[in-house]
Amino acid sequence: MLVNIALGDMEPRQAQLPLSMLEKRGVKYVKAKITKIDPPDNRVVETDQGKFNYDYLLASLGVENDFQSYNLGVGYHNYTLDGALKLKEALRSFTGGKVVLLAP
């Protein structure tokens, strides 16, 4: 949703929901490093916070951007909330010219 923030379609608060809201639906949220996932027959995931049995496993692996290799520190981007907000401000004052879009 960072591109929507950068384009002014939404505010950052609209793109955020507390993970505690999952608990209202009976979902247990654990922030941990996964060390092993047992096949679906056993339905066990091992983490640095312990072992957990599951019916359904949602592993959100995240992303780590390599700003140095892609030279993303130069110009504007929407890979972080801070970057999206800076891009939004830059687009507000854009009056024309060439735009280069990098989508790695």
N, C-alpha and C. Protein backbone atom coordinates (compact mmCIF):
# COMPACT_ATOMS: atom_id res chain seq x y z
N MET A 1 0.81 -1.20 0.00
CA MET A 1 0.00 0.00 0.00
C MET A 1 0.86 1.27 0.00
N LEU A 2 2.17 1.10 0.03
CA LEU A 2 3.04 2.28 0.05
C LEU A 2 2.90 3.10 -1.22
N VAL A 3 2.63 2.45 -2.35
CA VAL A 3 2.43 3.21 -3.58
C VAL A 3 1.16 4.06 -3.47
N ASN A 4 0.12 3.55 -2.81
CA ASN A 4 -1.11 4.33 -2.61
C ASN A 4 -0.86 5.53 -1.72
N ILE A 5 0.00 5.37 -0.74
CA ILE A 5 0.37 6.49 0.13
C ILE A 5 1.15 7.52 -0.67
N ALA A 6 2.12 7.06 -1.46
CA ALA A 6 2.94 7.97 -2.26
C ALA A 6 2.09 8.75 -3.26
N LEU A 7 1.07 8.12 -3.83
CA LEU A 7 0.22 8.78 -4.81
C LEU A 7 -0.89 9.61 -4.18
N GLY A 8 -0.96 9.59 -2.86
CA GLY A 8 -1.95 10.40 -2.16
C GLY A 8 -3.33 9.78 -2.09
N ASP A 9 -3.45 8.50 -2.43
CA ASP A 9 -4.75 7.83 -2.39
C ASP A 9 -5.19 7.48 -0.98
N MET A 10 -4.23 7.37 -0.07
CA MET A 10 -4.56 7.03 1.31
C MET A 10 -3.49 7.59 2.25
N GLU A 11 -3.87 7.71 3.49
CA GLU A 11 -2.97 8.15 4.55
C GLU A 11 -2.34 6.93 5.21
N PRO A 12 -1.15 7.08 5.79
CA PRO A 12 -0.49 5.93 6.43
C PRO A 12 -1.37 5.21 7.45
N ARG A 13 -2.15 5.93 8.21
CA ARG A 13 -2.99 5.29 9.24
C ARG A 13 -4.03 4.35 8.62
N GLN A 14 -4.41 4.62 7.37
CA GLN A 14 -5.39 3.76 6.69
C GLN A 14 -4.79 2.43 6.24
N ALA A 15 -3.48 2.36 6.17
CA ALA A 15 -2.80 1.15 5.70
C ALA A 15 -2.30 0.30 6.86
N GLN A 16 -2.63 0.67 8.07
CA GLN A 16 -2.10 -0.05 9.23
C GLN A 16 -3.24 -0.59 10.09
N LEU A 17 -3.10 -1.83 10.48
CA LEU A 17 -4.01 -2.44 11.44
C LEU A 17 -3.17 -3.14 12.49
N PRO A 18 -3.52 -2.99 13.76
CA PRO A 18 -2.73 -3.69 14.78
C PRO A 18 -2.92 -5.21 14.67
N LEU A 19 -1.83 -5.94 14.80
CA LEU A 19 -1.90 -7.40 14.71
C LEU A 19 -2.76 -8.00 15.82
N SER A 20 -2.97 -7.25 16.89
CA SER A 20 -3.82 -7.74 17.97
C SER A 20 -5.25 -7.97 17.50
N MET A 21 -5.64 -7.36 16.38
CA MET A 21 -7.00 -7.58 15.86
C MET A 21 -7.19 -9.02 15.40
N LEU A 22 -6.10 -9.71 15.08
CA LEU A 22 -6.20 -11.11 14.70
C LEU A 22 -6.72 -11.97 15.83
N GLU A 23 -6.38 -11.59 17.07
CA GLU A 23 -6.81 -12.36 18.23
C GLU A 23 -8.32 -12.41 18.36
N LYS A 24 -9.00 -11.38 17.89
CA LYS A 24 -10.47 -11.35 17.94
C LYS A 24 -11.08 -12.44 17.08
N ARG A 25 -10.30 -12.96 16.13
CA ARG A 25 -10.77 -14.03 15.25
C ARG A 25 -10.17 -15.38 15.65
N GLY A 26 -9.56 -15.43 16.82
CA GLY A 26 -9.00 -16.69 17.32
C GLY A 26 -7.66 -17.03 16.71
N VAL A 27 -6.98 -16.04 16.14
CA VAL A 27 -5.68 -16.26 15.52
C VAL A 27 -4.59 -15.88 16.51
N LYS A 28 -3.62 -16.76 16.70
CA LYS A 28 -2.50 -16.46 17.58
C LYS A 28 -1.37 -15.89 16.74
N TYR A 29 -0.92 -14.71 17.10
CA TYR A 29 0.17 -14.03 16.39
C TYR A 29 1.45 -14.24 17.17
N VAL A 30 2.49 -14.74 16.50
CA VAL A 30 3.79 -14.95 17.12
C VAL A 30 4.83 -14.32 16.21
N LYS A 31 5.63 -13.41 16.76
CA LYS A 31 6.74 -12.84 16.00
C LYS A 31 7.99 -13.61 16.40
N ALA A 32 8.49 -14.40 15.46
CA ALA A 32 9.62 -15.27 15.76
C ALA A 32 10.33 -15.65 14.47
N LYS A 33 11.54 -16.14 14.63
CA LYS A 33 12.30 -16.65 13.48
C LYS A 33 11.97 -18.13 13.32
N ILE A 34 11.50 -18.50 12.13
CA ILE A 34 11.17 -19.90 11.86
C ILE A 34 12.47 -20.67 11.62
N THR A 35 12.61 -21.79 12.32
CA THR A 35 13.79 -22.62 12.13
C THR A 35 13.47 -23.91 11.40
N LYS A 36 12.21 -24.37 11.47
CA LYS A 36 11.83 -25.60 10.79
C LYS A 36 10.31 -25.66 10.67
N ILE A 37 9.85 -26.13 9.53
CA ILE A 37 8.42 -26.39 9.34
C ILE A 37 8.25 -27.86 9.04
N ASP A 38 7.49 -28.54 9.89
CA ASP A 38 7.18 -29.95 9.66
C ASP A 38 6.16 -30.04 8.54
N PRO A 39 6.19 -31.11 7.77
CA PRO A 39 5.21 -31.26 6.69
C PRO A 39 3.77 -31.18 7.21
N PRO A 40 2.84 -30.96 6.30
CA PRO A 40 1.44 -30.82 6.71
C PRO A 40 0.89 -31.96 7.55
N ASP A 41 1.49 -33.16 7.45
CA ASP A 41 0.99 -34.28 8.25
C ASP A 41 1.12 -34.02 9.74
N ASN A 42 2.23 -33.40 10.15
CA ASN A 42 2.46 -33.15 11.57
C ASN A 42 1.97 -31.78 12.02
N ARG A 43 1.98 -30.81 11.12
CA ARG A 43 1.51 -29.45 11.40
C ARG A 43 2.18 -28.85 12.64
N VAL A 44 3.50 -28.81 12.60
CA VAL A 44 4.30 -28.22 13.67
C VAL A 44 5.29 -27.26 13.04
N VAL A 45 5.43 -26.10 13.62
CA VAL A 45 6.45 -25.16 13.18
C VAL A 45 7.36 -24.89 14.37
N GLU A 46 8.66 -24.97 14.13
CA GLU A 46 9.64 -24.68 15.18
C GLU A 46 10.20 -23.29 14.95
N THR A 47 10.30 -22.53 16.04
CA THR A 47 10.81 -21.16 15.95
C THR A 47 11.80 -20.91 17.08
N ASP A 48 12.39 -19.74 17.06
CA ASP A 48 13.27 -19.37 18.17
C ASP A 48 12.46 -19.03 19.43
N GLN A 49 11.13 -19.07 19.33
CA GLN A 49 10.26 -18.84 20.48
C GLN A 49 9.58 -20.13 20.95
N GLY A 50 9.95 -21.25 20.33
CA GLY A 50 9.37 -22.53 20.71
C GLY A 50 8.68 -23.21 19.54
N LYS A 51 8.04 -24.36 19.83
CA LYS A 51 7.31 -25.14 18.83
C LYS A 51 5.83 -24.80 18.93
N PHE A 52 5.18 -24.78 17.77
CA PHE A 52 3.76 -24.47 17.73
C PHE A 52 3.05 -25.44 16.79
N ASN A 53 1.95 -26.01 17.27
CA ASN A 53 1.08 -26.79 16.41
C ASN A 53 0.16 -25.81 15.69
N TYR A 54 -0.24 -26.18 14.48
CA TYR A 54 -1.12 -25.27 13.74
C TYR A 54 -2.11 -26.04 12.89
N ASP A 55 -3.23 -25.40 12.63
CA ASP A 55 -4.19 -25.88 11.64
C ASP A 55 -3.86 -25.24 10.29
N TYR A 56 -3.58 -23.94 10.33
CA TYR A 56 -3.16 -23.19 9.16
C TYR A 56 -1.95 -22.36 9.56
N LEU A 57 -0.96 -22.30 8.70
CA LEU A 57 0.25 -21.54 9.00
C LEU A 57 0.39 -20.43 7.97
N LEU A 58 0.49 -19.22 8.45
CA LEU A 58 0.77 -18.07 7.59
C LEU A 58 2.13 -17.55 8.01
N ALA A 59 3.13 -17.77 7.19
CA ALA A 59 4.49 -17.31 7.47
C ALA A 59 4.74 -16.06 6.63
N SER A 60 4.78 -14.93 7.28
CA SER A 60 5.04 -13.67 6.59
C SER A 60 6.52 -13.40 6.67
N LEU A 61 7.23 -13.66 5.57
CA LEU A 61 8.68 -13.64 5.58
C LEU A 61 9.27 -12.25 5.48
N GLY A 62 8.50 -11.28 5.02
CA GLY A 62 9.01 -9.91 4.95
C GLY A 62 10.00 -9.73 3.81
N VAL A 63 10.62 -8.58 3.79
CA VAL A 63 11.57 -8.25 2.74
C VAL A 63 12.65 -7.34 3.33
N GLU A 64 13.82 -7.47 2.79
CA GLU A 64 14.91 -6.58 3.18
C GLU A 64 15.46 -5.97 1.90
N ASN A 65 15.22 -4.68 1.69
CA ASN A 65 15.66 -4.02 0.47
C ASN A 65 17.15 -3.75 0.50
N ASP A 66 17.79 -3.97 -0.64
CA ASP A 66 19.22 -3.71 -0.79
C ASP A 66 19.38 -2.33 -1.42
N PHE A 67 19.29 -1.30 -0.60
CA PHE A 67 19.35 0.08 -1.09
C PHE A 67 20.69 0.41 -1.74
N GLN A 68 21.75 -0.20 -1.26
CA GLN A 68 23.08 0.12 -1.79
C GLN A 68 23.28 -0.43 -3.21
N SER A 69 22.94 -1.68 -3.45
CA SER A 69 23.14 -2.27 -4.78
C SER A 69 22.30 -1.57 -5.84
N TYR A 70 21.07 -1.20 -5.49
CA TYR A 70 20.19 -0.54 -6.45
C TYR A 70 20.30 0.98 -6.40
N ASN A 71 21.14 1.48 -5.50
CA ASN A 71 21.32 2.92 -5.31
C ASN A 71 19.98 3.61 -5.03
N LEU A 72 19.17 2.97 -4.19
CA LEU A 72 17.84 3.50 -3.89
C LEU A 72 17.87 4.66 -2.92
N GLY A 73 19.03 4.99 -2.39
CA GLY A 73 19.13 6.15 -1.51
C GLY A 73 19.08 7.45 -2.29
N VAL A 74 19.19 7.36 -3.62
CA VAL A 74 19.15 8.53 -4.48
C VAL A 74 17.77 8.63 -5.09
N GLY A 75 17.21 9.82 -5.12
CA GLY A 75 15.88 9.99 -5.72
C GLY A 75 14.79 9.61 -4.74
N TYR A 76 13.66 9.21 -5.27
CA TYR A 76 12.48 8.90 -4.45
C TYR A 76 12.06 7.46 -4.68
N HIS A 77 11.43 6.87 -3.68
CA HIS A 77 10.97 5.49 -3.79
C HIS A 77 9.79 5.29 -2.86
N ASN A 78 9.14 4.15 -3.00
CA ASN A 78 8.03 3.81 -2.11
C ASN A 78 8.29 2.46 -1.44
N TYR A 79 9.54 2.18 -1.12
CA TYR A 79 9.89 0.91 -0.49
C TYR A 79 9.81 0.97 1.04
N THR A 80 9.71 2.16 1.59
CA THR A 80 9.52 2.35 3.03
C THR A 80 8.45 3.42 3.21
N LEU A 81 7.89 3.51 4.40
CA LEU A 81 6.89 4.54 4.66
C LEU A 81 7.52 5.92 4.52
N ASP A 82 8.73 6.10 5.04
CA ASP A 82 9.42 7.38 4.93
C ASP A 82 9.65 7.74 3.45
N GLY A 83 10.08 6.77 2.66
CA GLY A 83 10.29 7.00 1.24
C GLY A 83 9.01 7.35 0.52
N ALA A 84 7.92 6.67 0.85
CA ALA A 84 6.62 6.94 0.22
C ALA A 84 6.14 8.35 0.55
N LEU A 85 6.36 8.79 1.79
CA LEU A 85 5.94 10.14 2.17
C LEU A 85 6.77 11.20 1.46
N LYS A 86 8.06 10.95 1.28
CA LYS A 86 8.92 11.89 0.54
C LYS A 86 8.53 11.93 -0.94
N LEU A 87 8.21 10.78 -1.50
CA LEU A 87 7.76 10.72 -2.89
C LEU A 87 6.45 11.47 -3.06
N LYS A 88 5.56 11.33 -2.11
CA LYS A 88 4.27 12.03 -2.15
C LYS A 88 4.49 13.54 -2.20
N GLU A 89 5.39 14.04 -1.36
CA GLU A 89 5.69 15.47 -1.35
C GLU A 89 6.31 15.91 -2.68
N ALA A 90 7.20 15.09 -3.23
CA ALA A 90 7.85 15.43 -4.50
C ALA A 90 6.82 15.46 -5.63
N LEU A 91 5.88 14.53 -5.63
CA LEU A 91 4.86 14.48 -6.68
C LEU A 91 3.91 15.68 -6.60
N ARG A 92 3.69 16.19 -5.41
CA ARG A 92 2.83 17.37 -5.25
C ARG A 92 3.38 18.58 -6.01
N SER A 93 4.70 18.69 -6.05
CA SER A 93 5.30 19.85 -6.69
C SER A 93 5.75 19.55 -8.13
N PHE A 94 5.46 18.36 -8.63
CA PHE A 94 5.86 17.97 -9.98
C PHE A 94 4.98 18.70 -10.99
N THR A 95 5.62 19.39 -11.92
CA THR A 95 4.86 20.16 -12.91
C THR A 95 5.05 19.64 -14.33
N GLY A 96 5.85 18.62 -14.50
CA GLY A 96 6.04 18.03 -15.81
C GLY A 96 7.47 17.62 -16.04
N GLY A 97 7.71 16.83 -17.03
CA GLY A 97 9.04 16.34 -17.32
C GLY A 97 9.04 14.83 -17.42
N LYS A 98 10.19 14.23 -17.36
CA LYS A 98 10.31 12.78 -17.49
C LYS A 98 10.33 12.12 -16.12
N VAL A 99 9.66 11.02 -16.03
CA VAL A 99 9.66 10.21 -14.81
C VAL A 99 10.21 8.84 -15.17
N VAL A 100 11.17 8.36 -14.40
CA VAL A 100 11.72 7.02 -14.59
C VAL A 100 11.24 6.16 -13.44
N LEU A 101 10.67 5.01 -13.77
CA LEU A 101 10.14 4.10 -12.77
C LEU A 101 10.98 2.83 -12.77
N LEU A 102 11.50 2.46 -11.61
CA LEU A 102 12.26 1.23 -11.44
C LEU A 102 11.41 0.27 -10.62
N ALA A 103 11.15 -0.89 -11.16
CA ALA A 103 10.39 -1.91 -10.43
C ALA A 103 11.22 -3.18 -10.39
N PRO A 104 12.15 -3.27 -9.42
CA PRO A 104 13.01 -4.47 -9.38
C PRO A 104 12.24 -5.72 -9.01
